[in-house]
Amino acid sequence: MATIKEVMENLPNLFKPEKAKGWNRVILFDLAGEEPSKWTLNIQDGVATIEEGETQKPRLVISGNSEHIIQMFTGEVPPMKLVNGGKLKMKGPMMDAIAFSGLWDIPKQ
């Protein structure tokens, strides 16, 4: 199984810039579980960058266990199943949470 560091550092490769036109946001992943950590995702002008730690003030915070983030971004579990099941929580504007889910080319398993 991938580590949270591997998955988070791969996010820019999964990012679909055409889906983020005009959508500039800072998103914090605040993770507990097997690999507790914080990661700041910055989407600016169609480019996604990721840094370990809380490096900027986020507009959207995604919290949950690191293993669920791994499952989401590797395609093991659909994102909405994790959200609807209460395993991942999004705090911030609802429209940002909805838009966030469409920004990724997540593999299908």
Protein backbone atom coordinates (compact mmCIF):
# COMPACT_ATOMS: atom_id res chain seq x y z
CA MET A 1 0.00 0.00 0.00
CA ALA A 2 1.22 3.48 -0.81
CA THR A 3 2.24 5.88 1.95
CA ILE A 4 0.45 9.16 2.51
CA LYS A 5 3.65 10.99 1.46
CA GLU A 6 3.71 9.14 -1.89
CA VAL A 7 0.02 9.80 -2.51
CA MET A 8 0.16 13.48 -1.56
CA GLU A 9 3.30 14.14 -3.60
CA ASN A 10 1.57 12.52 -6.60
CA LEU A 11 -1.47 14.83 -6.45
CA PRO A 12 -0.05 17.32 -9.00
CA ASN A 13 0.19 14.40 -11.48
CA LEU A 14 -3.51 13.53 -10.96
CA PHE A 15 -4.64 17.15 -11.26
CA LYS A 16 -6.79 18.12 -14.27
CA PRO A 17 -5.99 21.82 -14.86
CA GLU A 18 -8.76 22.21 -17.46
CA LYS A 19 -11.28 21.60 -14.65
CA ALA A 20 -9.83 24.38 -12.48
CA LYS A 21 -9.98 27.39 -14.81
CA GLY A 22 -10.25 30.48 -12.61
CA TRP A 23 -10.38 28.34 -9.47
CA ASN A 24 -7.55 29.45 -7.17
CA ARG A 25 -7.71 27.86 -3.73
CA VAL A 26 -5.66 26.73 -0.75
CA ILE A 27 -6.81 23.40 0.67
CA LEU A 28 -5.53 21.80 3.85
CA PHE A 29 -5.51 18.05 4.40
CA ASP A 30 -5.56 17.56 8.19
CA LEU A 31 -4.99 13.85 8.61
CA ALA A 32 -5.11 11.45 11.55
CA GLY A 33 -4.88 7.67 11.48
CA GLU A 34 -1.87 5.54 10.60
CA GLU A 35 0.14 8.45 9.17
CA PRO A 36 -1.02 11.65 10.88
CA SER A 37 0.13 14.73 8.99
CA LYS A 38 -0.93 18.01 7.46
CA TRP A 39 -0.54 18.89 3.78
CA THR A 40 -1.25 22.18 2.01
CA LEU A 41 -2.51 21.96 -1.56
CA ASN A 42 -2.32 25.19 -3.52
CA ILE A 43 -4.23 25.44 -6.79
CA GLN A 44 -3.20 28.62 -8.58
CA ASP A 45 -3.63 29.51 -12.25
CA GLY A 46 -4.16 25.90 -13.32
CA VAL A 47 -1.19 24.50 -11.37
CA ALA A 48 -1.42 22.29 -8.30
CA THR A 49 1.42 22.23 -5.78
CA ILE A 50 1.63 20.36 -2.49
CA GLU A 51 3.67 21.06 0.63
CA GLU A 52 3.93 19.15 3.86
CA GLY A 53 2.55 21.09 6.82
CA GLU A 54 0.05 23.91 7.11
CA THR A 55 1.91 26.55 5.12
CA GLN A 56 -0.95 28.89 4.14
CA LYS A 57 -4.41 29.78 5.43
CA PRO A 58 -6.83 27.29 3.81
CA ARG A 59 -10.24 28.04 2.37
CA LEU A 60 -11.22 24.36 2.47
CA VAL A 61 -10.11 21.79 5.08
CA ILE A 62 -10.35 18.07 4.39
CA SER A 63 -9.97 15.92 7.48
CA GLY A 64 -9.98 12.21 8.10
CA ASN A 65 -7.60 9.29 8.38
CA SER A 66 -4.59 9.14 6.10
CA GLU A 67 -5.55 5.64 4.96
CA HIS A 68 -8.86 6.97 3.59
CA ILE A 69 -7.06 9.66 1.56
CA ILE A 70 -4.80 6.92 0.18
CA GLN A 71 -7.86 4.83 -0.72
CA MET A 72 -9.50 7.82 -2.41
CA PHE A 73 -6.58 8.94 -4.56
CA THR A 74 -5.54 5.40 -5.56
CA GLY A 75 -9.07 4.62 -6.71
CA GLU A 76 -9.65 1.91 -4.13
CA VAL A 77 -12.76 3.64 -2.68
CA PRO A 78 -14.89 6.27 -4.47
CA PRO A 79 -14.52 9.74 -2.87
CA MET A 80 -18.26 10.22 -2.30
CA LYS A 81 -18.48 6.88 -0.50
CA LEU A 82 -15.86 8.13 1.97
CA VAL A 83 -17.59 11.50 2.40
CA ASN A 84 -21.09 10.04 2.69
CA GLY A 85 -19.82 7.42 5.11
CA GLY A 86 -18.40 10.12 7.38
CA LYS A 87 -14.83 8.91 6.89
CA LEU A 88 -13.74 12.21 5.28
CA LYS A 89 -15.04 15.62 6.29
CA MET A 90 -14.83 18.84 4.32
CA LYS A 91 -15.07 22.16 6.12
CA GLY A 92 -15.48 25.30 4.05
CA PRO A 93 -17.71 26.53 1.24
CA MET A 94 -19.91 23.71 -0.10
CA MET A 95 -19.27 24.82 -3.70
CA ASP A 96 -15.51 24.45 -3.13
CA ALA A 97 -16.01 20.93 -1.77
CA ILE A 98 -18.09 20.00 -4.82
CA ALA A 99 -15.62 21.57 -7.25
CA PHE A 100 -12.68 19.84 -5.53
CA SER A 101 -14.02 16.38 -6.32
CA GLY A 102 -13.96 17.05 -10.08
CA LEU A 103 -10.32 18.15 -10.26
CA TRP A 104 -8.67 14.73 -10.20
CA ASP A 105 -7.95 11.94 -12.65
CA ILE A 106 -8.38 9.19 -10.08
CA PRO A 107 -7.63 5.67 -11.35
CA LYS A 108 -10.58 3.28 -11.54
CA GLN A 109 -10.19 -0.08 -9.86
